[in-house]
N, C-alpha and C. Protein backbone atom coordinates (compact mmCIF):
# COMPACT_ATOMS: atom_id res chain seq x y z
N MET A 1 58.41 3.62 5.05
CA MET A 1 57.19 2.94 5.42
C MET A 1 56.72 3.39 6.80
N LYS A 2 57.68 3.57 7.75
CA LYS A 2 57.31 4.01 9.09
C LYS A 2 56.69 5.41 9.06
N ILE A 3 57.23 6.25 8.20
CA ILE A 3 56.69 7.60 8.07
C ILE A 3 55.27 7.53 7.54
N PHE A 4 55.02 6.70 6.56
CA PHE A 4 53.69 6.55 5.99
C PHE A 4 52.69 6.06 7.05
N ILE A 5 53.07 5.06 7.80
CA ILE A 5 52.20 4.52 8.86
C ILE A 5 51.96 5.58 9.95
N SER A 6 53.00 6.30 10.31
CA SER A 6 52.85 7.36 11.31
C SER A 6 51.91 8.45 10.81
N LEU A 7 52.08 8.85 9.57
CA LEU A 7 51.21 9.86 8.98
C LEU A 7 49.77 9.37 8.93
N LEU A 8 49.56 8.14 8.53
CA LEU A 8 48.22 7.56 8.49
C LEU A 8 47.60 7.54 9.88
N PHE A 9 48.39 7.19 10.87
CA PHE A 9 47.93 7.15 12.26
C PHE A 9 47.49 8.55 12.71
N VAL A 10 48.29 9.57 12.40
CA VAL A 10 47.95 10.95 12.78
C VAL A 10 46.66 11.39 12.08
N ILE A 11 46.52 11.06 10.82
CA ILE A 11 45.31 11.42 10.08
C ILE A 11 44.09 10.76 10.71
N LEU A 12 44.21 9.49 11.06
CA LEU A 12 43.09 8.78 11.70
C LEU A 12 42.72 9.41 13.04
N ILE A 13 43.70 9.80 13.80
CA ILE A 13 43.42 10.43 15.10
C ILE A 13 42.68 11.75 14.90
N PHE A 14 43.16 12.60 13.99
CA PHE A 14 42.50 13.88 13.76
C PHE A 14 41.11 13.71 13.18
N SER A 15 40.94 12.78 12.29
CA SER A 15 39.61 12.61 11.69
C SER A 15 38.62 12.06 12.70
N SER A 16 39.07 11.26 13.65
CA SER A 16 38.16 10.74 14.66
C SER A 16 37.80 11.80 15.69
N CYS A 17 38.60 12.83 15.83
CA CYS A 17 38.33 13.89 16.80
C CYS A 17 37.36 14.92 16.26
N GLN A 18 37.20 14.98 14.97
CA GLN A 18 36.29 15.96 14.39
C GLN A 18 34.85 15.52 14.59
N LYS A 19 34.02 16.47 15.01
CA LYS A 19 32.61 16.17 15.21
C LYS A 19 31.90 16.18 13.86
N ALA A 20 30.90 15.34 13.78
CA ALA A 20 30.06 15.37 12.59
C ALA A 20 29.30 16.69 12.59
N PRO A 21 29.00 17.24 11.42
CA PRO A 21 28.28 18.49 11.40
C PRO A 21 26.91 18.32 12.07
N GLU A 22 26.56 19.30 12.88
CA GLU A 22 25.28 19.25 13.58
C GLU A 22 24.29 20.17 12.87
N HIS A 23 23.03 19.78 12.95
CA HIS A 23 21.97 20.65 12.46
C HIS A 23 21.86 21.80 13.44
N GLN A 24 21.65 22.96 12.94
CA GLN A 24 21.55 24.13 13.79
C GLN A 24 20.10 24.58 13.90
N SER A 25 19.72 24.94 15.10
CA SER A 25 18.40 25.49 15.33
C SER A 25 18.46 26.99 15.07
N ASN A 26 17.62 27.46 14.18
CA ASN A 26 17.56 28.89 13.88
C ASN A 26 16.39 29.55 14.59
N ILE A 27 15.88 28.91 15.61
CA ILE A 27 14.75 29.45 16.34
C ILE A 27 15.25 30.57 17.24
N SER A 28 14.54 31.67 17.21
CA SER A 28 14.91 32.83 18.01
C SER A 28 14.24 32.74 19.37
N TRP A 29 14.82 31.91 20.25
CA TRP A 29 14.27 31.78 21.61
C TRP A 29 14.54 33.06 22.38
N LYS A 30 13.50 33.62 22.96
CA LYS A 30 13.65 34.77 23.83
C LYS A 30 13.61 34.26 25.27
N PRO A 31 14.33 34.90 26.17
CA PRO A 31 14.27 34.47 27.57
C PRO A 31 12.84 34.63 28.11
N TYR A 32 12.40 33.65 28.88
CA TYR A 32 11.08 33.70 29.47
C TYR A 32 10.96 34.86 30.46
N SER A 33 9.84 35.54 30.39
CA SER A 33 9.46 36.51 31.41
C SER A 33 7.95 36.63 31.39
N LYS A 34 7.38 37.02 32.52
CA LYS A 34 5.93 37.25 32.57
C LYS A 34 5.54 38.35 31.61
N GLN A 35 6.41 39.34 31.45
CA GLN A 35 6.13 40.44 30.54
C GLN A 35 6.08 39.95 29.09
N ALA A 36 6.98 39.05 28.72
CA ALA A 36 6.97 38.50 27.35
C ALA A 36 5.68 37.74 27.09
N VAL A 37 5.20 37.00 28.09
CA VAL A 37 3.93 36.28 27.95
C VAL A 37 2.80 37.29 27.80
N ALA A 38 2.77 38.32 28.65
CA ALA A 38 1.72 39.34 28.60
C ALA A 38 1.71 40.06 27.25
N ASP A 39 2.90 40.40 26.74
CA ASP A 39 3.00 41.08 25.44
C ASP A 39 2.44 40.21 24.33
N SER A 40 2.76 38.92 24.38
CA SER A 40 2.28 38.00 23.35
C SER A 40 0.75 37.88 23.40
N ILE A 41 0.22 37.79 24.61
CA ILE A 41 -1.24 37.71 24.77
C ILE A 41 -1.89 39.00 24.26
N ALA A 42 -1.30 40.14 24.55
CA ALA A 42 -1.83 41.43 24.08
C ALA A 42 -1.89 41.48 22.56
N HIS A 43 -0.93 40.79 21.90
CA HIS A 43 -0.90 40.76 20.43
C HIS A 43 -1.63 39.54 19.87
N LYS A 44 -2.30 38.79 20.77
CA LYS A 44 -3.06 37.59 20.39
C LYS A 44 -2.19 36.60 19.61
N LYS A 45 -1.00 36.39 20.13
CA LYS A 45 -0.04 35.49 19.49
C LYS A 45 0.19 34.28 20.38
N PRO A 46 0.05 33.06 19.84
CA PRO A 46 0.33 31.86 20.63
C PRO A 46 1.79 31.82 21.09
N ILE A 47 2.04 31.02 22.11
CA ILE A 47 3.35 30.98 22.75
C ILE A 47 3.81 29.53 22.88
N VAL A 48 5.09 29.30 22.59
CA VAL A 48 5.73 28.02 22.87
C VAL A 48 6.83 28.30 23.89
N ILE A 49 6.76 27.59 25.02
CA ILE A 49 7.77 27.77 26.07
C ILE A 49 8.58 26.47 26.18
N ASP A 50 9.88 26.60 25.96
CA ASP A 50 10.80 25.47 26.07
C ASP A 50 11.52 25.56 27.41
N PHE A 51 11.36 24.53 28.23
CA PHE A 51 12.06 24.44 29.51
C PHE A 51 13.31 23.61 29.27
N PHE A 52 14.46 24.23 29.43
CA PHE A 52 15.75 23.74 28.95
C PHE A 52 16.80 23.92 30.06
N ALA A 53 17.83 23.08 30.04
CA ALA A 53 18.98 23.28 30.92
C ALA A 53 20.24 22.86 30.17
N GLU A 54 21.31 23.58 30.41
CA GLU A 54 22.59 23.27 29.75
C GLU A 54 23.07 21.87 30.09
N TRP A 55 22.81 21.38 31.28
CA TRP A 55 23.30 20.07 31.72
C TRP A 55 22.41 18.93 31.23
N CYS A 56 21.35 19.24 30.51
CA CYS A 56 20.36 18.25 30.08
C CYS A 56 20.66 17.75 28.66
N PRO A 57 21.20 16.52 28.51
CA PRO A 57 21.54 16.04 27.17
C PRO A 57 20.31 15.88 26.26
N ILE A 58 19.18 15.53 26.82
CA ILE A 58 17.98 15.36 26.00
C ILE A 58 17.51 16.72 25.48
N CYS A 59 17.71 17.78 26.27
CA CYS A 59 17.39 19.14 25.80
C CYS A 59 18.20 19.47 24.55
N HIS A 60 19.47 19.13 24.58
CA HIS A 60 20.34 19.38 23.43
C HIS A 60 19.93 18.50 22.24
N ASP A 61 19.51 17.26 22.51
CA ASP A 61 19.02 16.39 21.44
C ASP A 61 17.79 16.99 20.77
N LEU A 62 16.89 17.53 21.57
CA LEU A 62 15.69 18.16 21.02
C LEU A 62 16.07 19.34 20.14
N ASP A 63 17.02 20.15 20.59
CA ASP A 63 17.52 21.27 19.78
C ASP A 63 18.07 20.77 18.45
N ARG A 64 18.94 19.78 18.55
CA ARG A 64 19.68 19.31 17.37
C ARG A 64 18.79 18.55 16.40
N GLU A 65 17.89 17.72 16.90
CA GLU A 65 17.15 16.81 16.02
C GLU A 65 15.73 17.26 15.69
N VAL A 66 15.15 18.12 16.51
CA VAL A 66 13.77 18.54 16.28
C VAL A 66 13.71 20.01 15.88
N PHE A 67 14.28 20.88 16.73
CA PHE A 67 14.19 22.31 16.46
C PHE A 67 15.02 22.74 15.26
N SER A 68 15.82 21.86 14.72
CA SER A 68 16.62 22.17 13.53
C SER A 68 15.87 21.89 12.23
N GLN A 69 14.71 21.25 12.33
CA GLN A 69 13.96 20.87 11.13
C GLN A 69 13.31 22.11 10.51
N PRO A 70 13.51 22.34 9.21
CA PRO A 70 12.98 23.54 8.57
C PRO A 70 11.47 23.72 8.71
N ASP A 71 10.70 22.64 8.62
CA ASP A 71 9.24 22.79 8.73
C ASP A 71 8.84 23.20 10.15
N ILE A 72 9.54 22.69 11.15
CA ILE A 72 9.25 23.07 12.54
C ILE A 72 9.70 24.51 12.77
N GLN A 73 10.84 24.88 12.24
CA GLN A 73 11.30 26.26 12.38
C GLN A 73 10.32 27.24 11.74
N ALA A 74 9.78 26.87 10.59
CA ALA A 74 8.82 27.75 9.91
C ALA A 74 7.56 27.94 10.74
N LYS A 75 7.09 26.87 11.35
CA LYS A 75 5.89 26.99 12.19
C LYS A 75 6.18 27.80 13.45
N LEU A 76 7.31 27.55 14.07
CA LEU A 76 7.64 28.28 15.30
C LEU A 76 7.91 29.75 15.04
N ALA A 77 8.25 30.11 13.80
CA ALA A 77 8.45 31.51 13.46
C ALA A 77 7.14 32.29 13.52
N GLN A 78 6.01 31.60 13.54
CA GLN A 78 4.69 32.24 13.57
C GLN A 78 4.16 32.48 14.98
N VAL A 79 4.90 32.01 15.99
CA VAL A 79 4.46 32.14 17.37
C VAL A 79 5.57 32.79 18.19
N THR A 80 5.25 33.15 19.42
CA THR A 80 6.27 33.64 20.33
C THR A 80 6.99 32.44 20.91
N THR A 81 8.31 32.42 20.80
CA THR A 81 9.10 31.30 21.33
C THR A 81 9.91 31.79 22.52
N LEU A 82 9.59 31.22 23.68
CA LEU A 82 10.27 31.60 24.91
C LEU A 82 11.01 30.39 25.46
N ARG A 83 12.11 30.65 26.13
CA ARG A 83 12.89 29.56 26.72
C ARG A 83 13.16 29.89 28.18
N VAL A 84 12.85 28.92 29.03
CA VAL A 84 13.19 29.01 30.44
C VAL A 84 14.50 28.24 30.61
N ASP A 85 15.55 28.96 30.97
CA ASP A 85 16.83 28.32 31.22
C ASP A 85 16.83 27.85 32.67
N ALA A 86 16.58 26.56 32.84
CA ALA A 86 16.48 25.97 34.18
C ALA A 86 17.79 25.31 34.60
N THR A 87 18.90 25.78 34.04
CA THR A 87 20.20 25.21 34.38
C THR A 87 20.44 25.28 35.88
N ASN A 88 20.09 26.40 36.49
CA ASN A 88 20.27 26.57 37.93
C ASN A 88 18.92 26.40 38.63
N GLN A 89 18.56 25.17 38.92
CA GLN A 89 17.26 24.91 39.53
C GLN A 89 17.21 25.32 41.00
N ASP A 90 18.33 25.74 41.57
CA ASP A 90 18.33 26.25 42.95
C ASP A 90 17.88 27.70 43.01
N ASP A 91 17.84 28.37 41.87
CA ASP A 91 17.40 29.76 41.81
C ASP A 91 15.91 29.83 42.15
N PRO A 92 15.53 30.63 43.15
CA PRO A 92 14.11 30.72 43.54
C PRO A 92 13.19 31.17 42.41
N ASN A 93 13.70 32.04 41.53
CA ASN A 93 12.88 32.49 40.39
C ASN A 93 12.58 31.32 39.45
N ILE A 94 13.59 30.50 39.19
CA ILE A 94 13.42 29.33 38.32
C ILE A 94 12.47 28.34 39.00
N GLN A 95 12.65 28.11 40.29
CA GLN A 95 11.77 27.20 41.02
C GLN A 95 10.32 27.65 40.90
N GLN A 96 10.08 28.97 40.99
CA GLN A 96 8.72 29.48 40.91
C GLN A 96 8.12 29.26 39.52
N ILE A 97 8.90 29.50 38.48
CA ILE A 97 8.41 29.30 37.11
C ILE A 97 8.10 27.82 36.89
N LEU A 98 8.99 26.94 37.34
CA LEU A 98 8.76 25.50 37.19
C LEU A 98 7.50 25.08 37.93
N GLN A 99 7.28 25.66 39.09
CA GLN A 99 6.07 25.36 39.86
C GLN A 99 4.83 25.92 39.17
N ASP A 100 4.92 27.16 38.67
CA ASP A 100 3.78 27.78 37.99
C ASP A 100 3.28 26.93 36.82
N TYR A 101 4.22 26.33 36.09
CA TYR A 101 3.85 25.53 34.92
C TYR A 101 3.81 24.03 35.23
N GLN A 102 4.00 23.67 36.48
CA GLN A 102 3.96 22.28 36.92
C GLN A 102 4.92 21.41 36.10
N ILE A 103 6.16 21.88 36.00
CA ILE A 103 7.19 21.16 35.25
C ILE A 103 7.83 20.13 36.18
N GLU A 104 7.81 18.89 35.74
CA GLU A 104 8.34 17.80 36.55
C GLU A 104 9.68 17.28 36.05
N GLY A 105 10.05 17.60 34.83
CA GLY A 105 11.30 17.14 34.26
C GLY A 105 11.65 17.92 33.01
N LEU A 106 12.89 17.77 32.59
CA LEU A 106 13.37 18.47 31.40
C LEU A 106 13.79 17.47 30.35
N PRO A 107 13.65 17.83 29.11
CA PRO A 107 12.99 19.03 28.60
C PRO A 107 11.47 18.88 28.66
N THR A 108 10.82 20.01 28.75
CA THR A 108 9.36 20.08 28.62
C THR A 108 9.07 21.28 27.74
N VAL A 109 8.12 21.10 26.82
CA VAL A 109 7.68 22.19 25.96
C VAL A 109 6.19 22.37 26.20
N VAL A 110 5.82 23.62 26.50
CA VAL A 110 4.44 23.96 26.81
C VAL A 110 3.91 24.88 25.71
N PHE A 111 2.68 24.63 25.28
CA PHE A 111 2.05 25.40 24.22
C PHE A 111 0.89 26.19 24.80
N LEU A 112 0.94 27.52 24.67
CA LEU A 112 -0.12 28.38 25.15
C LEU A 112 -0.83 29.01 23.96
N ASP A 113 -2.17 29.07 24.04
CA ASP A 113 -2.92 29.71 22.97
C ASP A 113 -2.79 31.23 23.06
N GLU A 114 -3.48 31.94 22.18
CA GLU A 114 -3.35 33.39 22.11
C GLU A 114 -3.91 34.09 23.36
N HIS A 115 -4.60 33.35 24.22
CA HIS A 115 -5.12 33.90 25.47
C HIS A 115 -4.24 33.52 26.67
N GLY A 116 -3.15 32.79 26.40
CA GLY A 116 -2.24 32.40 27.47
C GLY A 116 -2.64 31.12 28.19
N GLN A 117 -3.61 30.39 27.64
CA GLN A 117 -4.06 29.13 28.23
C GLN A 117 -3.32 27.97 27.57
N GLU A 118 -2.93 27.00 28.38
CA GLU A 118 -2.23 25.85 27.81
C GLU A 118 -3.17 25.07 26.90
N VAL A 119 -2.67 24.71 25.73
CA VAL A 119 -3.44 23.94 24.75
C VAL A 119 -3.55 22.51 25.27
N ASP A 120 -4.78 22.00 25.34
CA ASP A 120 -5.03 20.65 25.86
C ASP A 120 -4.23 19.59 25.12
N ASN A 121 -3.66 18.68 25.87
CA ASN A 121 -2.97 17.50 25.36
C ASN A 121 -1.82 17.81 24.40
N SER A 122 -1.21 18.97 24.55
CA SER A 122 -0.14 19.35 23.63
C SER A 122 1.25 19.31 24.26
N ARG A 123 1.33 19.26 25.57
CA ARG A 123 2.61 19.34 26.27
C ARG A 123 3.55 18.22 25.81
N VAL A 124 4.79 18.59 25.56
CA VAL A 124 5.82 17.63 25.16
C VAL A 124 6.79 17.47 26.32
N ILE A 125 6.98 16.24 26.76
CA ILE A 125 7.88 15.95 27.87
C ILE A 125 8.92 14.96 27.39
N GLY A 126 10.20 15.31 27.56
CA GLY A 126 11.27 14.43 27.12
C GLY A 126 11.50 14.56 25.62
N PHE A 127 12.23 13.61 25.10
CA PHE A 127 12.54 13.64 23.67
C PHE A 127 11.37 13.10 22.86
N VAL A 128 11.07 13.77 21.77
CA VAL A 128 10.10 13.30 20.80
C VAL A 128 10.71 13.45 19.41
N THR A 129 10.15 12.74 18.47
CA THR A 129 10.62 12.85 17.09
C THR A 129 10.07 14.14 16.47
N PRO A 130 10.65 14.56 15.36
CA PRO A 130 10.10 15.73 14.67
C PRO A 130 8.61 15.54 14.32
N LYS A 131 8.25 14.32 13.92
CA LYS A 131 6.84 14.05 13.58
C LYS A 131 5.94 14.23 14.80
N GLU A 132 6.37 13.72 15.95
CA GLU A 132 5.57 13.85 17.17
C GLU A 132 5.48 15.32 17.59
N PHE A 133 6.56 16.07 17.43
CA PHE A 133 6.52 17.49 17.78
C PHE A 133 5.59 18.23 16.84
N SER A 134 5.61 17.89 15.57
CA SER A 134 4.70 18.52 14.60
C SER A 134 3.25 18.23 14.95
N GLN A 135 2.98 17.03 15.44
CA GLN A 135 1.61 16.69 15.86
C GLN A 135 1.18 17.57 17.03
N ALA A 136 2.08 17.84 17.96
CA ALA A 136 1.76 18.73 19.07
C ALA A 136 1.51 20.15 18.56
N LEU A 137 2.33 20.60 17.62
CA LEU A 137 2.14 21.92 17.03
C LEU A 137 0.80 22.03 16.29
N ALA A 138 0.35 20.93 15.72
CA ALA A 138 -0.90 20.94 14.95
C ALA A 138 -2.10 21.27 15.84
N LEU A 139 -1.95 21.13 17.14
CA LEU A 139 -3.05 21.46 18.05
C LEU A 139 -3.31 22.96 18.13
N PHE A 140 -2.34 23.77 17.69
CA PHE A 140 -2.56 25.22 17.56
C PHE A 140 -3.50 25.43 16.39
N ASN A 141 -4.53 26.21 16.56
CA ASN A 141 -5.49 26.47 15.47
C ASN A 141 -4.84 27.14 14.27
N ILE A 142 -3.76 27.90 14.50
CA ILE A 142 -3.17 28.64 13.37
C ILE A 142 -2.50 27.71 12.36
N PHE A 143 -2.25 26.46 12.71
CA PHE A 143 -1.57 25.55 11.78
C PHE A 143 -2.52 24.60 11.09
N LYS A 144 -3.82 24.72 11.31
CA LYS A 144 -4.79 23.78 10.70
C LYS A 144 -5.20 24.26 9.34
């Protein structure tokens, strides 16, 4: 009986340590650069810029719960997807990019039209639901 209880206890410990399967984001985020933005504008392709940091739990929530949704992934596959890794906010280059886009907190997602202009009222700040993110994406003319 002691062996059975010990075995049951070990099984419970191992099963509680296993993480639940996470949804994976299949979005091909490219590192942000001015050249990537210029190339996208030259090809008249809209741009989505995700401002992200490794230390930001809400950034990871957005990845796991929003960017993992197949309908959102399909829409983002039609635009240039860039990611600003703001993990090291002491980096002067990162500070400049955050200032250029007037980023006040993470995560923030900025939507630029095919001319490189920010789409009015589309900016996503903080966590949003997949439905709310889809509504922001709908402001791109290519999805209407």
